N, C-alpha and C. Protein backbone atom coordinates (compact mmCIF):
# COMPACT_ATOMS: atom_id res chain seq x y z
N UNK A 1 -20.86 -15.74 -4.10
CA UNK A 1 -20.59 -16.89 -4.68
C UNK A 1 -19.68 -17.23 -5.86
N UNK A 2 -19.40 -18.09 -6.19
CA UNK A 2 -18.28 -18.36 -6.79
C UNK A 2 -18.19 -18.66 -8.06
N UNK A 3 -17.21 -18.40 -8.99
CA UNK A 3 -17.21 -17.63 -9.82
C UNK A 3 -16.38 -18.69 -10.74
N UNK A 4 -16.24 -19.64 -11.69
CA UNK A 4 -15.45 -20.67 -11.88
C UNK A 4 -15.09 -20.73 -13.04
N UNK A 5 -14.04 -20.98 -13.96
CA UNK A 5 -13.81 -20.93 -15.96
C UNK A 5 -13.41 -22.77 -15.62
N UNK A 6 -13.65 -23.34 -15.87
CA UNK A 6 -12.56 -24.57 -16.75
C UNK A 6 -11.82 -24.27 -18.03
N UNK A 7 -10.57 -24.22 -18.56
CA UNK A 7 -10.56 -24.20 -19.85
C UNK A 7 -9.06 -23.94 -19.71
N UNK A 8 -7.81 -24.20 -20.72
CA UNK A 8 -6.69 -23.96 -20.73
C UNK A 8 -7.07 -22.59 -20.80
N UNK A 9 -6.10 -21.81 -20.29
CA UNK A 9 -5.32 -20.12 -20.54
C UNK A 9 -4.61 -20.08 -19.83
N UNK A 10 -3.70 -18.60 -20.33
CA UNK A 10 -2.80 -18.25 -19.89
C UNK A 10 -3.11 -17.24 -18.89
N UNK A 11 -2.81 -16.56 -17.84
CA UNK A 11 -2.63 -15.44 -16.93
C UNK A 11 -2.36 -14.42 -17.75
N UNK A 12 -3.11 -12.82 -17.20
CA UNK A 12 -4.23 -13.21 -16.45
C UNK A 12 -5.57 -13.41 -16.98
N UNK A 13 -6.51 -14.11 -16.23
CA UNK A 13 -7.45 -14.47 -16.94
C UNK A 13 -8.67 -13.52 -15.92
N UNK A 14 -9.66 -13.24 -16.94
CA UNK A 14 -10.59 -11.97 -16.32
C UNK A 14 -12.16 -12.72 -16.55
N UNK A 15 -12.73 -12.71 -15.73
CA UNK A 15 -14.67 -12.78 -16.37
C UNK A 15 -15.02 -11.61 -16.28
N UNK A 16 -16.03 -11.56 -17.25
CA UNK A 16 -16.61 -10.29 -17.10
C UNK A 16 -18.66 -10.17 -16.66
N UNK A 17 -18.83 -9.62 -15.86
CA UNK A 17 -19.93 -9.43 -15.54
C UNK A 17 -20.76 -8.80 -16.23
N UNK A 18 -22.14 -8.48 -16.68
CA UNK A 18 -22.99 -7.23 -16.52
C UNK A 18 -24.24 -7.69 -15.98
N UNK A 19 -24.35 -6.32 -15.04
CA UNK A 19 -25.38 -6.45 -14.10
C UNK A 19 -26.78 -5.95 -14.88
N UNK A 20 -28.11 -6.26 -14.35
CA UNK A 20 -29.16 -6.00 -15.14
C UNK A 20 -29.13 -4.21 -15.61
N UNK A 21 -28.60 -3.71 -14.82
CA UNK A 21 -28.41 -2.03 -15.37
C UNK A 21 -27.20 -1.56 -16.17
N UNK A 22 -26.95 -2.91 -17.14
CA UNK A 22 -25.89 -2.26 -17.59
C UNK A 22 -24.73 -2.10 -17.09
N UNK A 23 -24.24 -2.03 -15.76
CA UNK A 23 -22.94 -1.90 -15.10
C UNK A 23 -21.77 -3.08 -15.60
N UNK A 24 -20.71 -2.84 -15.82
CA UNK A 24 -19.87 -3.84 -16.04
C UNK A 24 -18.70 -4.51 -14.86
N UNK A 25 -18.96 -5.63 -14.70
CA UNK A 25 -17.66 -5.58 -13.35
C UNK A 25 -16.76 -6.85 -14.22
N UNK A 26 -15.52 -6.26 -14.01
CA UNK A 26 -14.59 -7.18 -14.62
C UNK A 26 -13.58 -7.86 -13.20
N UNK A 27 -13.72 -9.12 -13.33
CA UNK A 27 -13.03 -9.90 -12.55
C UNK A 27 -11.79 -10.53 -12.58
N UNK A 28 -10.54 -10.51 -11.92
CA UNK A 28 -9.68 -11.25 -12.15
C UNK A 28 -9.71 -12.50 -11.66
N UNK A 29 -9.77 -13.59 -12.11
CA UNK A 29 -9.80 -15.38 -11.58
C UNK A 29 -8.11 -15.48 -11.39
N UNK A 30 -8.29 -16.42 -10.40
CA UNK A 30 -7.01 -17.04 -9.63
C UNK A 30 -7.01 -18.30 -10.19
N UNK A 31 -5.66 -19.11 -10.61
CA UNK A 31 -5.93 -20.09 -10.81
C UNK A 31 -6.10 -21.04 -9.50
N UNK A 32 -7.28 -22.45 -9.31
CA UNK A 32 -6.91 -22.90 -8.23
C UNK A 32 -6.53 -24.48 -8.64
N UNK A 33 -6.73 -25.18 -10.08
CA UNK A 33 -5.93 -26.28 -10.06
C UNK A 33 -5.58 -26.20 -11.53
N UNK A 34 -5.41 -27.59 -12.31
CA UNK A 34 -4.57 -27.25 -13.49
C UNK A 34 -6.22 -26.95 -14.49
N UNK A 35 -6.16 -25.81 -15.01
CA UNK A 35 -7.59 -25.39 -16.12
C UNK A 35 -8.47 -25.17 -15.29
N UNK A 36 -8.35 -24.66 -14.09
CA UNK A 36 -9.59 -24.01 -13.43
C UNK A 36 -8.72 -22.97 -12.64
N UNK A 37 -10.08 -21.71 -12.82
CA UNK A 37 -10.09 -20.54 -12.33
C UNK A 37 -11.22 -20.11 -11.81
N UNK A 38 -10.90 -18.99 -10.76
CA UNK A 38 -12.08 -18.97 -10.08
C UNK A 38 -11.44 -17.51 -8.99
N UNK A 39 -13.21 -16.50 -9.32
CA UNK A 39 -13.25 -15.80 -8.39
C UNK A 39 -14.62 -15.81 -7.68
N UNK A 40 -14.66 -14.58 -6.26
CA UNK A 40 -15.62 -15.07 -5.71
C UNK A 40 -16.29 -13.61 -5.88
N UNK A 41 -17.95 -13.33 -5.75
CA UNK A 41 -18.56 -11.75 -6.11
C UNK A 41 -19.96 -12.06 -5.55
N UNK A 42 -19.96 -10.96 -4.80
CA UNK A 42 -21.44 -10.96 -4.29
C UNK A 42 -22.65 -9.76 -4.66
N UNK A 43 -23.04 -10.78 -5.68
CA UNK A 43 -24.19 -10.02 -6.12
C UNK A 43 -25.17 -9.03 -5.42
N UNK A 44 -25.18 -7.76 -5.55
CA UNK A 44 -26.25 -6.91 -4.60
C UNK A 44 -27.03 -6.38 -5.34
N UNK A 45 -27.79 -6.96 -6.58
CA UNK A 45 -28.70 -6.52 -7.26
C UNK A 45 -29.64 -7.43 -8.09
N UNK A 46 -31.02 -7.55 -7.47
CA UNK A 46 -31.45 -8.89 -8.09
C UNK A 46 -31.81 -8.61 -9.67
N UNK A 47 -31.86 -9.87 -10.13
CA UNK A 47 -32.15 -9.62 -11.54
C UNK A 47 -31.67 -10.67 -12.74
N UNK A 48 -31.47 -10.40 -13.62
CA UNK A 48 -30.89 -10.77 -14.62
C UNK A 48 -29.20 -10.68 -15.02
N UNK A 49 -28.51 -11.50 -14.41
CA UNK A 49 -26.79 -11.18 -14.77
C UNK A 49 -26.08 -12.17 -16.30
N UNK A 50 -25.61 -11.58 -16.80
CA UNK A 50 -24.40 -12.14 -17.84
C UNK A 50 -23.13 -12.21 -17.42
N UNK A 51 -22.60 -13.67 -17.62
CA UNK A 51 -21.18 -14.03 -17.53
C UNK A 51 -20.41 -14.10 -18.32
N UNK A 52 -19.03 -13.21 -18.84
CA UNK A 52 -18.97 -14.06 -19.58
C UNK A 52 -16.85 -14.56 -19.01
N UNK A 53 -16.35 -15.59 -19.47
CA UNK A 53 -15.11 -15.80 -18.95
C UNK A 53 -14.47 -16.61 -19.88
N UNK A 54 -13.54 -16.34 -21.27
CA UNK A 54 -13.09 -16.67 -22.36
C UNK A 54 -14.63 -16.18 -23.07
N UNK A 55 -14.09 -17.79 -24.38
CA UNK A 55 -15.59 -18.09 -25.34
C UNK A 55 -16.29 -18.30 -24.35
N UNK A 56 -16.90 -18.60 -23.17
CA UNK A 56 -18.20 -18.98 -23.03
C UNK A 56 -18.64 -17.66 -21.94
N UNK A 57 -20.42 -18.12 -21.88
CA UNK A 57 -21.03 -17.16 -21.58
C UNK A 57 -22.41 -17.67 -20.59
N UNK A 58 -22.94 -17.07 -19.67
CA UNK A 58 -23.85 -18.00 -19.33
C UNK A 58 -25.06 -16.71 -18.67
N UNK A 59 -26.01 -16.81 -18.14
CA UNK A 59 -27.10 -16.39 -17.88
C UNK A 59 -27.09 -16.76 -16.22
N UNK A 60 -27.19 -15.73 -14.86
CA UNK A 60 -27.70 -15.75 -13.76
C UNK A 60 -28.34 -15.05 -13.19
N UNK A 61 -29.73 -15.62 -12.92
CA UNK A 61 -31.06 -15.00 -12.33
C UNK A 61 -30.78 -14.78 -10.69
N UNK A 62 -30.85 -13.64 -10.16
CA UNK A 62 -30.04 -13.28 -9.00
C UNK A 62 -31.70 -12.64 -8.26
N UNK A 63 -32.40 -13.77 -7.41
CA UNK A 63 -33.60 -13.20 -6.77
C UNK A 63 -33.41 -12.23 -5.85
N UNK A 64 -32.31 -12.00 -5.43
CA UNK A 64 -32.63 -10.84 -4.48
C UNK A 64 -31.12 -10.76 -4.07
N UNK A 65 -30.41 -9.56 -3.40
CA UNK A 65 -29.06 -9.34 -3.00
C UNK A 65 -28.81 -10.64 -2.04
N UNK A 66 -28.00 -11.19 -2.12
CA UNK A 66 -27.18 -12.20 -1.34
C UNK A 66 -26.22 -11.67 -0.03
N UNK A 67 -25.93 -10.38 0.04
CA UNK A 67 -24.69 -10.31 1.34
C UNK A 67 -25.19 -8.56 1.18
N UNK A 68 -25.49 -8.06 2.66
CA UNK A 68 -25.66 -6.37 2.86
C UNK A 68 -23.81 -5.99 2.51
N UNK A 69 -24.47 -4.66 1.50
CA UNK A 69 -23.04 -3.78 1.35
C UNK A 69 -22.05 -3.35 2.71
N UNK A 70 -20.66 -3.40 2.51
CA UNK A 70 -19.97 -3.25 3.65
C UNK A 70 -20.99 -1.63 4.11
N UNK A 71 -20.71 -1.56 5.53
CA UNK A 71 -21.33 -0.23 6.08
C UNK A 71 -20.07 1.14 5.83
N UNK A 72 -20.70 2.04 5.46
CA UNK A 72 -20.28 3.45 4.98
C UNK A 72 -18.65 3.73 5.92
N UNK A 73 -18.92 3.46 6.97
CA UNK A 73 -17.57 3.41 7.97
C UNK A 73 -16.60 2.95 7.37
N UNK A 74 -16.68 2.05 6.59
CA UNK A 74 -15.15 1.25 5.72
C UNK A 74 -14.89 1.98 4.98
N UNK A 75 -15.57 2.73 4.34
CA UNK A 75 -14.84 3.55 2.86
C UNK A 75 -14.44 4.55 3.52
N UNK A 76 -12.93 5.04 3.84
CA UNK A 76 -12.19 5.67 3.90
C UNK A 76 -10.88 5.58 3.93
N UNK A 77 -9.92 6.58 3.67
CA UNK A 77 -10.20 7.97 4.17
C UNK A 77 -11.07 8.31 2.56
N UNK A 78 -12.15 9.79 2.90
CA UNK A 78 -12.65 9.92 1.85
C UNK A 78 -11.65 10.79 0.84
N UNK A 79 -11.95 10.58 -0.81
CA UNK A 79 -11.29 11.21 -1.55
C UNK A 79 -11.34 13.09 -1.48
N UNK A 80 -9.81 13.61 -2.31
CA UNK A 80 -9.72 15.08 -2.21
C UNK A 80 -9.39 15.18 -3.72
N UNK A 81 -9.23 16.39 -3.88
CA UNK A 81 -8.81 17.13 -5.06
C UNK A 81 -7.57 16.45 -5.35
N UNK A 82 -7.37 16.48 -6.47
CA UNK A 82 -5.80 15.68 -7.25
C UNK A 82 -6.22 14.35 -7.15
N UNK A 83 -6.86 13.81 -6.58
CA UNK A 83 -6.88 12.60 -6.02
C UNK A 83 -5.50 11.84 -5.39
N UNK A 84 -5.99 12.90 -3.83
CA UNK A 84 -5.04 12.62 -2.66
C UNK A 84 -5.88 13.11 -1.34
N UNK A 85 -6.55 11.74 -1.35
CA UNK A 85 -6.38 10.45 -2.15
C UNK A 85 -7.36 10.47 -3.06
N UNK A 86 -7.60 9.07 -4.00
CA UNK A 86 -8.65 8.79 -4.93
C UNK A 86 -10.04 8.55 -3.72
N UNK A 87 -11.04 8.68 -4.03
CA UNK A 87 -12.04 8.18 -3.36
C UNK A 87 -11.94 7.02 -3.28
N UNK A 88 -12.78 5.86 -1.52
CA UNK A 88 -12.65 5.16 -1.28
C UNK A 88 -13.56 4.06 -2.08
N UNK A 89 -13.11 2.51 -2.60
CA UNK A 89 -14.25 1.95 -2.99
C UNK A 89 -14.01 0.09 -2.70
N UNK A 90 -14.82 -0.31 -3.08
CA UNK A 90 -14.93 -1.79 -2.58
C UNK A 90 -14.47 -2.77 -3.85
N UNK A 91 -13.39 -3.28 -4.16
CA UNK A 91 -13.78 -3.75 -5.20
C UNK A 91 -14.53 -5.51 -5.77
N UNK A 92 -15.12 -5.87 -4.44
CA UNK A 92 -16.33 -6.32 -4.83
C UNK A 92 -17.46 -6.13 -4.83
N UNK A 93 -18.04 -5.20 -4.56
CA UNK A 93 -19.47 -4.78 -4.41
C UNK A 93 -19.32 -3.48 -5.71
N UNK A 94 -18.11 -2.71 -6.30
CA UNK A 94 -18.07 -2.06 -7.21
C UNK A 94 -18.39 -0.75 -6.93
N UNK A 95 -18.45 -0.15 -5.39
CA UNK A 95 -19.21 1.02 -4.98
C UNK A 95 -17.67 1.59 -4.69
N UNK A 96 -17.59 3.18 -4.84
CA UNK A 96 -17.10 4.41 -4.15
C UNK A 96 -18.10 5.06 -3.38
N UNK A 97 -17.31 5.67 -2.50
CA UNK A 97 -18.04 6.65 -1.29
C UNK A 97 -17.30 8.28 -1.81
N UNK A 98 -18.29 8.98 -1.98
CA UNK A 98 -17.95 10.33 -2.01
C UNK A 98 -18.63 11.50 -1.47
N UNK A 99 -18.03 12.46 -1.28
CA UNK A 99 -18.23 13.50 -0.12
C UNK A 99 -19.35 14.01 -0.79
N UNK A 100 -20.48 14.95 0.55
CA UNK A 100 -21.81 15.38 -0.49
C UNK A 100 -22.28 16.44 1.05
N UNK A 101 -22.95 17.63 0.64
CA UNK A 101 -23.26 18.51 1.64
C UNK A 101 -24.41 17.82 3.00
N UNK A 102 -25.17 16.73 2.54
CA UNK A 102 -25.86 15.79 3.13
C UNK A 102 -25.90 14.16 2.88
N UNK A 103 -25.13 13.81 3.55
CA UNK A 103 -25.09 12.02 3.58
C UNK A 103 -23.66 11.93 2.84
N UNK A 104 -23.90 11.23 1.61
CA UNK A 104 -22.80 10.72 0.94
C UNK A 104 -23.37 10.62 -0.29
N UNK A 105 -22.42 10.59 -1.77
CA UNK A 105 -22.63 10.15 -2.66
C UNK A 105 -21.84 9.18 -3.24
N UNK A 106 -22.92 8.22 -3.71
CA UNK A 106 -22.30 7.07 -3.72
C UNK A 106 -22.09 6.82 -5.44
N UNK A 107 -21.08 6.14 -5.88
CA UNK A 107 -21.40 5.34 -6.86
C UNK A 107 -21.18 4.23 -7.15
N UNK A 108 -21.43 3.42 -8.25
CA UNK A 108 -21.00 1.90 -8.79
C UNK A 108 -20.58 1.78 -9.97
N UNK A 109 -19.27 0.90 -9.93
CA UNK A 109 -18.92 0.75 -11.42
C UNK A 109 -17.35 0.78 -11.33
N UNK A 110 -16.69 1.01 -9.86
CA UNK A 110 -14.89 1.38 -9.79
C UNK A 110 -14.53 0.15 -9.78
N UNK A 111 -14.83 -0.77 -10.82
CA UNK A 111 -13.76 -2.17 -10.69
C UNK A 111 -12.12 -1.56 -11.11
N UNK A 112 -11.62 -2.50 -10.11
CA UNK A 112 -10.05 -2.76 -10.42
C UNK A 112 -9.60 -3.98 -9.96
N UNK A 113 -8.96 -4.33 -10.73
CA UNK A 113 -8.40 -6.00 -10.60
C UNK A 113 -7.17 -6.33 -10.25
N UNK A 114 -7.65 -6.42 -8.70
CA UNK A 114 -6.62 -6.80 -7.64
C UNK A 114 -7.17 -7.92 -6.64
N UNK A 115 -6.34 -8.35 -5.77
CA UNK A 115 -6.90 -9.54 -5.12
C UNK A 115 -6.57 -8.95 -3.90
N UNK A 116 -7.82 -7.97 -3.81
CA UNK A 116 -8.10 -7.22 -2.10
C UNK A 116 -9.03 -7.91 -1.80
N UNK A 117 -9.97 -9.10 -2.28
CA UNK A 117 -10.98 -9.72 -1.29
C UNK A 117 -11.91 -8.79 -0.63
N UNK A 118 -12.18 -7.61 -1.29
CA UNK A 118 -13.51 -7.30 -0.74
C UNK A 118 -12.72 -5.74 0.52
N UNK A 119 -11.59 -5.83 0.47
CA UNK A 119 -10.67 -4.79 1.33
C UNK A 119 -11.32 -3.35 0.66
N UNK A 120 -11.16 -2.04 1.53
CA UNK A 120 -11.37 -0.85 0.65
C UNK A 120 -10.11 -0.19 0.29
N UNK A 121 -10.83 0.42 -1.31
CA UNK A 121 -9.19 0.37 -1.54
C UNK A 121 -9.67 1.81 -2.92
N UNK A 122 -8.52 2.56 -3.36
CA UNK A 122 -8.63 3.69 -3.97
C UNK A 122 -9.67 3.29 -5.36
N UNK A 123 -10.35 4.32 -5.32
CA UNK A 123 -11.10 3.83 -7.04
C UNK A 123 -9.96 4.19 -7.70
N UNK A 124 -9.47 3.22 -8.61
CA UNK A 124 -8.77 3.28 -9.81
C UNK A 124 -9.29 2.21 -10.45
N UNK A 125 -9.31 2.91 -11.96
CA UNK A 125 -9.39 2.17 -13.01
C UNK A 125 -8.74 1.89 -14.19
N UNK A 126 -8.50 0.82 -14.56
CA UNK A 126 -7.44 0.61 -15.85
C UNK A 126 -8.25 0.11 -17.55
N UNK A 127 -8.04 0.57 -18.53
CA UNK A 127 -8.22 0.24 -19.53
C UNK A 127 -9.44 0.63 -20.01
N UNK A 128 -9.92 1.65 -19.56
CA UNK A 128 -11.12 2.15 -19.93
C UNK A 128 -11.16 3.71 -20.91
N UNK A 129 -9.73 4.40 -21.14
CA UNK A 129 -9.76 5.38 -21.62
C UNK A 129 -10.18 5.50 -23.50
N UNK A 130 -11.24 6.20 -23.72
CA UNK A 130 -11.51 6.15 -24.80
C UNK A 130 -13.06 5.41 -25.20
N UNK A 131 -13.16 4.56 -23.93
CA UNK A 131 -14.29 3.65 -23.95
C UNK A 131 -15.70 4.50 -23.03
N UNK A 132 -16.67 3.86 -23.71
CA UNK A 132 -18.28 4.47 -22.58
C UNK A 132 -18.04 3.67 -21.53
N UNK A 133 -18.00 4.18 -20.32
CA UNK A 133 -17.74 3.97 -19.08
C UNK A 133 -19.19 4.06 -17.93
N UNK A 134 -19.72 2.90 -17.36
CA UNK A 134 -21.23 2.97 -17.26
C UNK A 134 -20.73 3.38 -15.68
N UNK A 135 -21.62 4.07 -15.07
CA UNK A 135 -21.75 4.70 -13.72
C UNK A 135 -23.32 4.67 -13.14
N UNK A 136 -23.33 4.18 -11.98
CA UNK A 136 -25.12 4.13 -11.72
C UNK A 136 -24.78 5.35 -10.16
N UNK A 137 -25.29 6.33 -10.05
CA UNK A 137 -24.94 7.42 -8.98
C UNK A 137 -26.38 7.03 -7.87
N UNK A 138 -25.99 7.28 -6.39
CA UNK A 138 -27.25 7.41 -5.73
C UNK A 138 -26.53 8.85 -4.99
N UNK A 139 -27.93 9.90 -4.43
CA UNK A 139 -27.64 11.14 -4.22
C UNK A 139 -28.73 11.58 -3.32
N UNK A 140 -28.87 12.01 -2.12
CA UNK A 140 -29.54 12.23 -0.87
C UNK A 140 -30.45 13.77 -1.81
N UNK A 141 -31.53 14.10 -1.62
CA UNK A 141 -31.82 15.71 -1.86
C UNK A 141 -33.25 15.51 -2.80
N UNK A 142 -33.65 16.70 -3.13
CA UNK A 142 -34.51 16.92 -3.99
C UNK A 142 -34.24 17.33 -5.54
N UNK A 143 -35.60 17.33 -6.41
CA UNK A 143 -35.04 17.90 -7.21
C UNK A 143 -34.22 16.91 -9.15
N UNK A 144 -34.02 17.83 -9.82
CA UNK A 144 -33.24 17.10 -10.89
C UNK A 144 -31.75 16.89 -10.40
N UNK A 145 -31.17 16.09 -10.84
CA UNK A 145 -29.30 15.94 -10.45
C UNK A 145 -28.60 15.97 -12.10
N UNK A 146 -27.43 16.98 -12.17
CA UNK A 146 -26.68 17.26 -12.86
C UNK A 146 -25.27 16.47 -12.60
N UNK A 147 -24.35 15.98 -13.14
CA UNK A 147 -23.64 15.40 -12.96
C UNK A 147 -22.19 15.62 -13.69
N UNK A 148 -20.97 16.13 -13.82
CA UNK A 148 -20.14 16.65 -14.22
C UNK A 148 -19.16 16.01 -14.01
N UNK A 149 -18.11 15.73 -14.93
CA UNK A 149 -16.75 15.08 -14.96
C UNK A 149 -15.55 16.10 -15.44
N UNK A 150 -14.62 16.24 -14.03
CA UNK A 150 -13.44 17.26 -15.03
C UNK A 150 -11.88 16.72 -15.21
N UNK A 151 -11.76 16.41 -16.35
CA UNK A 151 -10.59 15.99 -16.76
C UNK A 151 -9.55 16.16 -16.31
N UNK A 152 -8.32 15.84 -16.54
CA UNK A 152 -7.24 16.27 -15.62
C UNK A 152 -6.40 17.12 -16.33
N UNK A 153 -6.68 17.50 -17.40
CA UNK A 153 -6.40 19.04 -18.14
C UNK A 153 -7.35 20.51 -17.70
N UNK A 154 -8.44 20.11 -16.73
CA UNK A 154 -9.33 20.73 -16.19
C UNK A 154 -10.61 21.05 -17.39
N UNK A 155 -10.81 20.01 -18.49
CA UNK A 155 -11.85 20.30 -19.32
C UNK A 155 -13.00 19.59 -18.66
N UNK A 156 -14.22 20.20 -18.91
CA UNK A 156 -15.38 19.81 -17.96
C UNK A 156 -16.16 18.78 -19.30
N UNK A 157 -16.48 17.49 -18.71
CA UNK A 157 -17.34 16.65 -19.46
C UNK A 157 -18.52 16.62 -19.01
N UNK A 158 -19.21 16.30 -20.07
CA UNK A 158 -20.89 15.77 -19.71
C UNK A 158 -21.20 14.57 -20.03
N UNK A 159 -22.53 13.65 -19.09
CA UNK A 159 -22.32 12.24 -19.73
C UNK A 159 -23.04 11.91 -21.01
N UNK A 160 -22.32 11.10 -21.43
CA UNK A 160 -22.76 10.56 -22.70
C UNK A 160 -24.34 10.60 -22.75
N UNK A 161 -24.71 10.03 -21.44
CA UNK A 161 -26.18 9.62 -21.18
C UNK A 161 -26.43 9.59 -19.28
N UNK A 162 -27.55 10.07 -19.63
CA UNK A 162 -28.29 10.07 -17.75
C UNK A 162 -29.46 10.05 -17.94
N UNK A 163 -29.59 8.97 -17.20
CA UNK A 163 -31.19 8.61 -16.68
C UNK A 163 -31.65 8.41 -15.56
N UNK A 164 -32.81 9.07 -15.10
CA UNK A 164 -33.20 8.97 -13.39
C UNK A 164 -33.81 7.25 -13.37
N UNK A 165 -33.60 6.51 -12.37
CA UNK A 165 -34.34 5.22 -12.43
C UNK A 165 -35.47 5.44 -10.93
N UNK A 166 -36.26 5.95 -11.46
CA UNK A 166 -37.51 6.09 -10.57
C UNK A 166 -37.77 4.93 -9.62
N UNK A 167 -38.07 4.91 -8.39
CA UNK A 167 -37.79 4.16 -7.75
C UNK A 167 -36.73 3.23 -7.35
N UNK A 168 -35.52 3.50 -7.94
CA UNK A 168 -34.21 2.77 -7.75
C UNK A 168 -34.09 1.61 -8.19
N UNK A 169 -33.40 0.62 -7.37
CA UNK A 169 -33.14 -0.66 -7.51
C UNK A 169 -33.05 -1.44 -6.29
N UNK A 170 -32.34 -2.76 -6.46
CA UNK A 170 -31.63 -3.21 -5.25
C UNK A 170 -30.76 -3.00 -4.46
N UNK A 171 -29.95 -1.86 -5.54
CA UNK A 171 -29.03 -1.57 -4.76
C UNK A 171 -29.15 -0.94 -3.38
N UNK A 172 -28.48 -1.32 -2.31
CA UNK A 172 -28.99 -0.55 -0.69
C UNK A 172 -28.20 0.37 -0.61
N UNK A 173 -28.13 1.56 -1.24
CA UNK A 173 -27.84 3.17 -0.54
C UNK A 173 -28.70 3.75 -0.60
N UNK A 174 -28.78 4.85 0.25
CA UNK A 174 -29.79 5.94 0.39
C UNK A 174 -29.54 7.07 -0.71
N UNK A 175 -31.26 7.83 -1.24
CA UNK A 175 -30.67 8.24 -2.31
C UNK A 175 -31.54 7.80 -3.50
N UNK A 176 -31.75 8.88 -4.37
CA UNK A 176 -32.22 8.71 -5.46
C UNK A 176 -31.21 7.94 -6.52
N UNK A 177 -31.82 7.67 -7.81
CA UNK A 177 -30.56 6.85 -8.39
C UNK A 177 -30.88 7.36 -9.78
N UNK A 178 -29.64 7.77 -10.16
CA UNK A 178 -29.35 7.84 -11.94
C UNK A 178 -28.36 6.75 -12.49
N UNK A 179 -28.37 6.33 -13.88
CA UNK A 179 -27.17 6.30 -14.56
C UNK A 179 -26.84 6.64 -15.33
N UNK A 180 -25.63 6.56 -15.73
CA UNK A 180 -24.67 7.61 -16.62
C UNK A 180 -23.62 6.60 -17.10
N UNK A 181 -23.06 7.46 -18.16
CA UNK A 181 -22.26 6.65 -19.37
C UNK A 181 -21.36 7.97 -19.40
N UNK A 182 -20.07 8.17 -19.02
CA UNK A 182 -19.05 9.06 -19.31
C UNK A 182 -17.93 7.93 -20.32
N UNK A 183 -16.89 8.87 -21.25
CA UNK A 183 -15.85 8.48 -22.01
C UNK A 183 -14.74 9.61 -21.17
N UNK A 184 -13.32 8.62 -20.97
CA UNK A 184 -12.57 8.94 -20.53
C UNK A 184 -11.56 9.51 -21.50
N UNK A 185 -10.90 10.46 -21.92
CA UNK A 185 -10.09 11.24 -22.89
C UNK A 185 -8.90 10.75 -22.79
N UNK A 186 -8.09 10.88 -21.13
CA UNK A 186 -6.73 10.90 -20.68
C UNK A 186 -6.91 9.92 -19.11
N UNK A 187 -5.39 9.34 -19.34
CA UNK A 187 -4.90 9.25 -18.00
C UNK A 187 -5.01 9.98 -16.90
N UNK A 188 -5.04 9.66 -15.82
CA UNK A 188 -5.46 10.98 -14.53
C UNK A 188 -5.73 10.97 -13.24
N UNK A 189 -5.99 11.93 -12.87
CA UNK A 189 -7.02 11.65 -11.54
C UNK A 189 -8.29 12.89 -12.54
N UNK A 190 -9.56 12.34 -12.12
CA UNK A 190 -10.82 12.85 -12.70
C UNK A 190 -11.77 13.28 -11.43
N UNK A 191 -12.36 14.19 -11.38
CA UNK A 191 -13.00 14.40 -10.71
C UNK A 191 -14.70 14.77 -10.85
N UNK A 192 -15.52 13.98 -10.54
CA UNK A 192 -17.17 13.76 -10.62
C UNK A 192 -17.65 14.93 -9.38
N UNK A 193 -18.84 15.87 -10.35
CA UNK A 193 -19.29 16.45 -9.50
C UNK A 193 -20.64 16.26 -9.30
N UNK A 194 -21.75 16.10 -8.86
CA UNK A 194 -23.45 15.91 -8.82
C UNK A 194 -23.81 17.11 -8.17
N UNK A 195 -24.52 17.46 -8.74
CA UNK A 195 -25.51 18.58 -7.82
C UNK A 195 -26.97 18.54 -8.36
N UNK A 196 -27.73 18.95 -7.01
CA UNK A 196 -29.04 18.90 -6.54
C UNK A 196 -29.52 20.56 -6.46
N UNK A 197 -30.51 20.95 -6.20
CA UNK A 197 -31.01 21.89 -5.69
C UNK A 197 -30.49 22.16 -4.48
N UNK A 198 -30.44 20.91 -3.32
CA UNK A 198 -30.34 21.01 -2.11
C UNK A 198 -29.18 20.34 -1.67
N UNK A 199 -28.39 19.58 -2.67
CA UNK A 199 -27.56 18.57 -2.04
C UNK A 199 -26.43 18.74 -3.13
N UNK A 200 -24.87 18.34 -2.74
CA UNK A 200 -24.14 18.32 -4.21
C UNK A 200 -23.12 17.28 -3.29
N UNK A 201 -22.14 16.62 -4.21
CA UNK A 201 -21.33 15.87 -4.00
C UNK A 201 -20.42 15.40 -5.03
N UNK A 202 -19.50 15.11 -4.84
CA UNK A 202 -18.04 15.19 -5.50
C UNK A 202 -17.56 13.62 -4.90
N UNK A 203 -16.70 13.05 -6.17
CA UNK A 203 -16.03 11.53 -6.33
C UNK A 203 -14.87 11.74 -7.19
N UNK A 204 -13.19 11.51 -6.95
CA UNK A 204 -12.34 11.24 -7.24
C UNK A 204 -12.00 9.92 -7.60
N UNK A 205 -11.76 10.28 -9.05
CA UNK A 205 -11.56 8.56 -9.69
C UNK A 205 -9.84 9.21 -10.62
N UNK A 206 -8.80 8.15 -10.49
CA UNK A 206 -7.91 7.59 -11.14
C UNK A 206 -7.91 6.93 -12.08
N UNK A 207 -7.84 7.11 -13.19
CA UNK A 207 -8.03 6.59 -14.48
C UNK A 207 -6.12 6.06 -14.75
N UNK A 208 -5.65 4.81 -14.88
CA UNK A 208 -4.41 4.45 -15.18
C UNK A 208 -4.43 4.61 -16.39
N UNK A 209 -5.08 3.85 -17.22
CA UNK A 209 -5.37 3.40 -19.05
C UNK A 209 -6.55 3.39 -19.58
């Protein structure tokens, strides 16, 4: 779907999308004509989305996913300690694929403002230090789940909030679903670890600012 802003503006120009589960997407808009800016986005979750661009805002009702998510095989190479490399992500869907004992650990919320047109890119975020950052997770297994973020200085951070989503959502990845919010206290490589009674997984995210 094309998102277009018609206004006098100086680059860079962004649009912010707020998903039904509260996750925020930041898109870089490209100039297509005088006073016209545009970007494409594939809505992967049905429900009420809010779109902000400049001082304009609108509500979009998505009745069903418009496109299937990219296959897991496209999310390579997998991340490793020290973000060498960061976990792989997709700039359009906002998903990152992590390592797990069984299957994959999936996270959505890793948006980066690049003109990558949906290619797989390292999970990198900007302008997030000191702000609550929402991440939704999918992990197979049984029992409750815990999520911990380890900062570049080695300090462990618990989520500000963690909610189990019974029945999940329209996000088409395997496993049970949780919503969380973390605050990044510094730049650098952050290591997220998820733990269940019979499965665990890891995601590495590079925070630039």
